[in-house]
Amino acid sequence: MIALGPEFLLTSLVVCLTPGIGVVYTLSMTLGGGLRAGVWATVGCTIATVVHMVVAMAGLAAVLHTSAVLFQTVKFAGVAYLLWMAWAVLRDSGSLVIEAAAAAPPGRIVLRGILLNILNPKLPLFFVAFLPQFLPAGAGIGALAQLGLAFTAMTFATFLIYAGLAAGGRRQILSSPAVLRWMKRAFAASFAALGLRLALERA
């Protein structure tokens, strides 16, 4: 066991609070299906984080970094999926419709959360670059796993906070058609912008 220093905790918190694919997805699902949908979205995004952490620890992140073809393939699959999500919001299709309607099945919400985050090849590279900075000299794989699990737990908690805040304002948003239209446009633009940012990423 290693001590989680304040530098690691503070840096992790800043990273988790920074809006990204997972945050946008969690907010959109919460507004569309309530807190329960937001929790399931959080579960999906967290599962993807764990997968990326395992990939990084297994050394596959180095493969992504050295294989331009593999990196580009994963990256553009993620770009395509983000653009599809943006289109789904604008078309009022699937489970991303931000209206007072029944939420999508939990399995679908979780799966979409996993796919959105798993198709970002930068995440395993992030773990490789981020976590070792906070390892004490001579630390092994156990210490790395401890840091990774702590970061994952903080991610899960942060997303739950975002979901709770969105759920608290959901009634007011859904009661105003004008606000609802602008929210849908904002989410569509966010997914499209995230897709563009991902498209410009380099290994």
C-alpha atoms as a PDB file:
ATOM      1  CA  MET A   1       0.000   0.000   0.000  1.00  0.00           C
ATOM      2  CA  ILE A   2       1.209   3.506  -0.814  1.00  0.00           C
ATOM      3  CA  ALA A   3      -0.047   6.802   0.531  1.00  0.00           C
ATOM      4  CA  LEU A   4      -2.128   8.874  -1.875  1.00  0.00           C
ATOM      5  CA  GLY A   5      -0.497  12.255  -1.681  1.00  0.00           C
ATOM      6  CA  PRO A   6      -2.355  15.560  -1.987  1.00  0.00           C
ATOM      7  CA  GLU A   7      -0.672  16.264  -5.323  1.00  0.00           C
ATOM      8  CA  PHE A   8      -2.127  13.074  -6.821  1.00  0.00           C
ATOM      9  CA  LEU A   9      -5.580  13.658  -5.326  1.00  0.00           C
ATOM     10  CA  LEU A  10      -5.764  17.288  -6.438  1.00  0.00           C
ATOM     11  CA  THR A  11      -4.483  16.581  -9.943  1.00  0.00           C
ATOM     12  CA  SER A  12      -6.872  13.646 -10.327  1.00  0.00           C
ATOM     13  CA  LEU A  13      -9.789  15.800  -9.187  1.00  0.00           C
ATOM     14  CA  VAL A  14      -8.980  18.482 -11.755  1.00  0.00           C
ATOM     15  CA  VAL A  15      -8.728  15.857 -14.496  1.00  0.00           C
ATOM     16  CA  CYS A  16     -12.038  14.251 -13.461  1.00  0.00           C
ATOM     17  CA  LEU A  17     -13.886  17.577 -13.259  1.00  0.00           C
ATOM     18  CA  THR A  18     -12.740  18.639 -16.727  1.00  0.00           C
ATOM     19  CA  PRO A  19     -15.711  18.109 -19.088  1.00  0.00           C
ATOM     20  CA  GLY A  20     -15.070  15.411 -21.647  1.00  0.00           C
ATOM     21  CA  ILE A  21     -16.860  12.627 -23.469  1.00  0.00           C
ATOM     22  CA  GLY A  22     -17.953  10.858 -20.285  1.00  0.00           C
ATOM     23  CA  VAL A  23     -19.275  14.018 -18.629  1.00  0.00           C
ATOM     24  CA  VAL A  24     -21.279  15.078 -21.690  1.00  0.00           C
ATOM     25  CA  TYR A  25     -22.748  11.599 -22.040  1.00  0.00           C
ATOM     26  CA  THR A  26     -23.653  11.372 -18.342  1.00  0.00           C
ATOM     27  CA  LEU A  27     -25.338  14.778 -18.381  1.00  0.00           C
ATOM     28  CA  SER A  28     -27.320  14.021 -21.535  1.00  0.00           C
ATOM     29  CA  MET A  29     -28.516  10.664 -20.218  1.00  0.00           C
ATOM     30  CA  THR A  30     -29.503  12.177 -16.861  1.00  0.00           C
ATOM     31  CA  LEU A  31     -31.556  14.909 -18.513  1.00  0.00           C
ATOM     32  CA  GLY A  32     -33.136  12.358 -20.829  1.00  0.00           C
ATOM     33  CA  GLY A  33     -33.945   9.617 -18.309  1.00  0.00           C
ATOM     34  CA  GLY A  34     -33.386  10.989 -14.818  1.00  0.00           C
ATOM     35  CA  LEU A  35     -30.859  10.173 -12.121  1.00  0.00           C
ATOM     36  CA  ARG A  36     -31.165   6.412 -12.665  1.00  0.00           C
ATOM     37  CA  ALA A  37     -30.079   6.777 -16.307  1.00  0.00           C
ATOM     38  CA  GLY A  38     -27.245   9.046 -15.207  1.00  0.00           C
ATOM     39  CA  VAL A  39     -26.013   6.431 -12.742  1.00  0.00           C
ATOM     40  CA  TRP A  40     -26.001   3.744 -15.442  1.00  0.00           C
ATOM     41  CA  ALA A  41     -24.126   6.108 -17.777  1.00  0.00           C
ATOM     42  CA  THR A  42     -21.578   6.630 -15.007  1.00  0.00           C
ATOM     43  CA  VAL A  43     -21.199   2.867 -14.649  1.00  0.00           C
ATOM     44  CA  GLY A  44     -20.505   2.486 -18.382  1.00  0.00           C
ATOM     45  CA  CYS A  45     -17.931   5.279 -18.459  1.00  0.00           C
ATOM     46  CA  THR A  46     -16.219   3.883 -15.359  1.00  0.00           C
ATOM     47  CA  ILE A  47     -16.018   0.381 -16.837  1.00  0.00           C
ATOM     48  CA  ALA A  48     -14.278   1.863 -19.880  1.00  0.00           C
ATOM     49  CA  THR A  49     -11.843   3.670 -17.570  1.00  0.00           C
ATOM     50  CA  VAL A  50     -10.990   0.393 -15.847  1.00  0.00           C
ATOM     51  CA  VAL A  51     -10.443  -1.310 -19.215  1.00  0.00           C
ATOM     52  CA  HIS A  52      -8.101   1.465 -20.333  1.00  0.00           C
ATOM     53  CA  MET A  53      -6.213   1.244 -17.057  1.00  0.00           C
ATOM     54  CA  VAL A  54      -5.731  -2.503 -17.506  1.00  0.00           C
ATOM     55  CA  VAL A  55      -4.622  -1.956 -21.110  1.00  0.00           C
ATOM     56  CA  ALA A  56      -2.088   0.628 -19.973  1.00  0.00           C
ATOM     57  CA  MET A  57      -0.754  -1.613 -17.217  1.00  0.00           C
ATOM     58  CA  ALA A  58      -0.460  -4.506 -19.642  1.00  0.00           C
ATOM     59  CA  GLY A  59       1.726  -2.405 -21.900  1.00  0.00           C
ATOM     60  CA  LEU A  60      -0.710  -2.281 -24.794  1.00  0.00           C
ATOM     61  CA  ALA A  61      -0.706   1.497 -24.611  1.00  0.00           C
ATOM     62  CA  ALA A  62       2.869   1.345 -25.882  1.00  0.00           C
ATOM     63  CA  VAL A  63       1.592  -0.623 -28.877  1.00  0.00           C
ATOM     64  CA  LEU A  64      -0.987   2.069 -29.597  1.00  0.00           C
ATOM     65  CA  HIS A  65       1.747   4.656 -29.316  1.00  0.00           C
ATOM     66  CA  THR A  66       4.098   2.895 -31.734  1.00  0.00           C
ATOM     67  CA  SER A  67       1.518   1.555 -34.205  1.00  0.00           C
ATOM     68  CA  ALA A  68       0.210   4.495 -36.205  1.00  0.00           C
ATOM     69  CA  VAL A  69      -2.270   2.312 -38.115  1.00  0.00           C
ATOM     70  CA  LEU A  70      -3.819   0.858 -34.949  1.00  0.00           C
ATOM     71  CA  PHE A  71      -3.987   4.266 -33.289  1.00  0.00           C
ATOM     72  CA  GLN A  72      -5.665   5.874 -36.302  1.00  0.00           C
ATOM     73  CA  THR A  73      -8.149   3.009 -36.644  1.00  0.00           C
ATOM     74  CA  VAL A  74      -9.303   3.247 -33.047  1.00  0.00           C
ATOM     75  CA  LYS A  75      -9.296   7.030 -33.153  1.00  0.00           C
ATOM     76  CA  PHE A  76     -11.503   7.402 -36.213  1.00  0.00           C
ATOM     77  CA  ALA A  77     -13.894   4.739 -34.966  1.00  0.00           C
ATOM     78  CA  GLY A  78     -14.311   6.941 -31.904  1.00  0.00           C
ATOM     79  CA  VAL A  79     -14.756  10.049 -34.065  1.00  0.00           C
ATOM     80  CA  ALA A  80     -17.468   8.348 -36.106  1.00  0.00           C
ATOM     81  CA  TYR A  81     -19.296   7.230 -32.984  1.00  0.00           C
ATOM     82  CA  LEU A  82     -19.192  10.726 -31.448  1.00  0.00           C
ATOM     83  CA  LEU A  83     -20.567  12.273 -34.643  1.00  0.00           C
ATOM     84  CA  TRP A  84     -23.317   9.658 -34.698  1.00  0.00           C
ATOM     85  CA  MET A  85     -24.214  10.574 -31.108  1.00  0.00           C
ATOM     86  CA  ALA A  86     -24.411  14.253 -32.093  1.00  0.00           C
ATOM     87  CA  TRP A  87     -26.717  13.378 -34.990  1.00  0.00           C
ATOM     88  CA  ALA A  88     -28.868  11.188 -32.718  1.00  0.00           C
ATOM     89  CA  VAL A  89     -29.468  14.122 -30.371  1.00  0.00           C
ATOM     90  CA  LEU A  90     -30.483  16.463 -33.187  1.00  0.00           C
ATOM     91  CA  ARG A  91     -32.728  13.829 -34.769  1.00  0.00           C
ATOM     92  CA  ASP A  92     -34.442  13.029 -31.458  1.00  0.00           C
ATOM     93  CA  SER A  93     -33.561   9.370 -31.904  1.00  0.00           C
ATOM     94  CA  GLY A  94     -32.451   6.594 -29.596  1.00  0.00           C
ATOM     95  CA  SER A  95     -31.993   7.060 -25.876  1.00  0.00           C
ATOM     96  CA  LEU A  96     -30.453  10.522 -26.109  1.00  0.00           C
ATOM     97  CA  VAL A  97     -33.734  12.375 -26.558  1.00  0.00           C
ATOM     98  CA  ILE A  98     -33.734  15.015 -23.831  1.00  0.00           C
ATOM     99  CA  GLU A  99     -37.391  14.924 -22.902  1.00  0.00           C
ATOM    100  CA  ALA A 100     -39.639  13.556 -20.165  1.00  0.00           C
ATOM    101  CA  ALA A 101     -39.735  10.018 -21.515  1.00  0.00           C
ATOM    102  CA  ALA A 102     -38.844   6.536 -20.281  1.00  0.00           C
ATOM    103  CA  ALA A 103     -35.131   5.924 -20.068  1.00  0.00           C
ATOM    104  CA  ALA A 104     -33.380   3.483 -22.346  1.00  0.00           C
ATOM    105  CA  PRO A 105     -32.662  -0.007 -20.996  1.00  0.00           C
ATOM    106  CA  PRO A 106     -29.776   0.060 -18.494  1.00  0.00           C
ATOM    107  CA  GLY A 107     -27.727  -2.340 -20.624  1.00  0.00           C
ATOM    108  CA  ARG A 108     -27.887  -0.022 -23.618  1.00  0.00           C
ATOM    109  CA  ILE A 109     -26.925   3.010 -21.543  1.00  0.00           C
ATOM    110  CA  VAL A 110     -23.944   1.170 -20.057  1.00  0.00           C
ATOM    111  CA  LEU A 111     -22.856  -0.179 -23.449  1.00  0.00           C
ATOM    112  CA  ARG A 112     -22.930   3.252 -25.057  1.00  0.00           C
ATOM    113  CA  GLY A 113     -20.929   4.677 -22.176  1.00  0.00           C
ATOM    114  CA  ILE A 114     -18.336   1.953 -22.659  1.00  0.00           C
ATOM    115  CA  LEU A 115     -18.145   2.420 -26.427  1.00  0.00           C
ATOM    116  CA  LEU A 116     -17.840   6.204 -26.237  1.00  0.00           C
ATOM    117  CA  ASN A 117     -14.877   6.007 -23.883  1.00  0.00           C
ATOM    118  CA  ILE A 118     -13.251   2.793 -25.114  1.00  0.00           C
ATOM    119  CA  LEU A 119     -12.835   4.284 -28.595  1.00  0.00           C
ATOM    120  CA  ASN A 120     -10.576   7.033 -27.301  1.00  0.00           C
ATOM    121  CA  PRO A 121      -6.995   5.758 -27.795  1.00  0.00           C
ATOM    122  CA  LYS A 122      -5.620   8.650 -25.752  1.00  0.00           C
ATOM    123  CA  LEU A 123      -6.964   7.244 -22.493  1.00  0.00           C
ATOM    124  CA  PRO A 124      -4.490   4.357 -22.093  1.00  0.00           C
ATOM    125  CA  LEU A 125      -1.694   6.706 -23.117  1.00  0.00           C
ATOM    126  CA  PHE A 126      -2.933   9.123 -20.464  1.00  0.00           C
ATOM    127  CA  PHE A 127      -2.628   6.441 -17.806  1.00  0.00           C
ATOM    128  CA  VAL A 128       0.895   5.610 -18.940  1.00  0.00           C
ATOM    129  CA  ALA A 129       1.948   9.266 -18.783  1.00  0.00           C
ATOM    130  CA  PHE A 130      -0.040  10.302 -15.703  1.00  0.00           C
ATOM    131  CA  LEU A 131       0.149   7.574 -13.088  1.00  0.00           C
ATOM    132  CA  PRO A 132       3.937   6.914 -13.007  1.00  0.00           C
ATOM    133  CA  GLN A 133       4.549  10.525 -11.975  1.00  0.00           C
ATOM    134  CA  PHE A 134       3.111   9.740  -8.552  1.00  0.00           C
ATOM    135  CA  LEU A 135       4.827   6.400  -7.950  1.00  0.00           C
ATOM    136  CA  PRO A 136       7.552   6.258  -5.290  1.00  0.00           C
ATOM    137  CA  ALA A 137      10.955   4.936  -6.300  1.00  0.00           C
ATOM    138  CA  GLY A 138      11.015   1.161  -6.607  1.00  0.00           C
ATOM    139  CA  ALA A 139       7.228   0.801  -6.629  1.00  0.00           C
ATOM    140  CA  GLY A 140       5.808  -2.181  -8.484  1.00  0.00           C
ATOM    141  CA  ILE A 141       2.652  -3.094 -10.368  1.00  0.00           C
ATOM    142  CA  GLY A 142       0.647  -3.198  -7.138  1.00  0.00           C
ATOM    143  CA  ALA A 143       1.293   0.463  -6.434  1.00  0.00           C
ATOM    144  CA  LEU A 144       0.397   1.349 -10.020  1.00  0.00           C
ATOM    145  CA  ALA A 145      -2.871  -0.560  -9.682  1.00  0.00           C
ATOM    146  CA  GLN A 146      -3.628   1.253  -6.443  1.00  0.00           C
ATOM    147  CA  LEU A 147      -3.224   4.639  -8.114  1.00  0.00           C
ATOM    148  CA  GLY A 148      -5.325   3.507 -11.054  1.00  0.00           C
ATOM    149  CA  LEU A 149      -8.148   2.269  -8.841  1.00  0.00           C
ATOM    150  CA  ALA A 150      -8.071   5.485  -6.812  1.00  0.00           C
ATOM    151  CA  PHE A 151      -8.344   7.527 -10.011  1.00  0.00           C
ATOM    152  CA  THR A 152     -11.203   5.309 -11.224  1.00  0.00           C
ATOM    153  CA  ALA A 153     -13.076   5.705  -7.926  1.00  0.00           C
ATOM    154  CA  MET A 154     -12.670   9.476  -8.116  1.00  0.00           C
ATOM    155  CA  THR A 155     -13.948   9.437 -11.713  1.00  0.00           C
ATOM    156  CA  PHE A 156     -17.016   7.454 -10.663  1.00  0.00           C
ATOM    157  CA  ALA A 157     -17.758   9.809  -7.766  1.00  0.00           C
ATOM    158  CA  THR A 158     -17.294  12.916  -9.932  1.00  0.00           C
ATOM    159  CA  PHE A 159     -19.642  11.626 -12.618  1.00  0.00           C
ATOM    160  CA  LEU A 160     -22.242  10.843  -9.953  1.00  0.00           C
ATOM    161  CA  ILE A 161     -22.019  14.459  -8.779  1.00  0.00           C
ATOM    162  CA  TYR A 162     -22.565  15.668 -12.342  1.00  0.00           C
ATOM    163  CA  ALA A 163     -25.556  13.323 -12.652  1.00  0.00           C
ATOM    164  CA  GLY A 164     -27.004  14.565  -9.364  1.00  0.00           C
ATOM    165  CA  LEU A 165     -26.700  18.200 -10.406  1.00  0.00           C
ATOM    166  CA  ALA A 166     -28.326  17.487 -13.765  1.00  0.00           C
ATOM    167  CA  ALA A 167     -31.136  15.531 -12.114  1.00  0.00           C
ATOM    168  CA  GLY A 168     -31.784  18.438  -9.734  1.00  0.00           C
ATOM    169  CA  GLY A 169     -32.424  20.845 -12.623  1.00  0.00           C
ATOM    170  CA  ARG A 170     -34.085  18.327 -14.918  1.00  0.00           C
ATOM    171  CA  ARG A 171     -37.697  19.307 -14.125  1.00  0.00           C
ATOM    172  CA  GLN A 172     -37.092  22.988 -14.878  1.00  0.00           C
ATOM    173  CA  ILE A 173     -35.287  22.202 -18.126  1.00  0.00           C
ATOM    174  CA  LEU A 174     -37.916  19.765 -19.394  1.00  0.00           C
ATOM    175  CA  SER A 175     -40.735  22.181 -18.586  1.00  0.00           C
ATOM    176  CA  SER A 176     -39.324  24.785 -20.982  1.00  0.00           C
ATOM    177  CA  PRO A 177     -39.386  23.847 -24.702  1.00  0.00           C
ATOM    178  CA  ALA A 178     -37.018  26.698 -25.554  1.00  0.00           C
ATOM    179  CA  VAL A 179     -34.436  25.624 -22.964  1.00  0.00           C
ATOM    180  CA  LEU A 180     -34.862  22.015 -24.082  1.00  0.00           C
ATOM    181  CA  ARG A 181     -34.099  22.902 -27.704  1.00  0.00           C
ATOM    182  CA  TRP A 182     -30.969  24.793 -26.711  1.00  0.00           C
ATOM    183  CA  MET A 183     -29.840  21.981 -24.426  1.00  0.00           C
ATOM    184  CA  LYS A 184     -30.184  19.453 -27.231  1.00  0.00           C
ATOM    185  CA  ARG A 185     -28.208  21.705 -29.568  1.00  0.00           C
ATOM    186  CA  ALA A 186     -25.569  22.192 -26.882  1.00  0.00           C
ATOM    187  CA  PHE A 187     -25.166  18.436 -26.369  1.00  0.00           C
ATOM    188  CA  ALA A 188     -25.038  17.801 -30.114  1.00  0.00           C
ATOM    189  CA  ALA A 189     -22.400  20.516 -30.502  1.00  0.00           C
ATOM    190  CA  SER A 190     -20.449  19.082 -27.553  1.00  0.00           C
ATOM    191  CA  PHE A 191     -20.355  15.580 -29.050  1.00  0.00           C
ATOM    192  CA  ALA A 192     -19.359  16.994 -32.443  1.00  0.00           C
ATOM    193  CA  ALA A 193     -16.627  19.171 -30.873  1.00  0.00           C
ATOM    194  CA  LEU A 194     -15.269  16.218 -28.905  1.00  0.00           C
ATOM    195  CA  GLY A 195     -15.213  14.187 -32.106  1.00  0.00           C
ATOM    196  CA  LEU A 196     -13.288  16.954 -33.885  1.00  0.00           C
ATOM    197  CA  ARG A 197     -10.821  17.217 -31.014  1.00  0.00           C
ATOM    198  CA  LEU A 198     -10.282  13.473 -31.073  1.00  0.00           C
ATOM    199  CA  ALA A 199      -9.772  13.558 -34.859  1.00  0.00           C
ATOM    200  CA  LEU A 200      -6.958  16.076 -34.397  1.00  0.00           C
ATOM    201  CA  GLU A 201      -5.202  14.033 -31.709  1.00  0.00           C
ATOM    202  CA  ARG A 202      -1.840  12.509 -32.525  1.00  0.00           C
ATOM    203  CA  ALA A 203      -0.275   9.420 -31.003  1.00  0.00           C
END
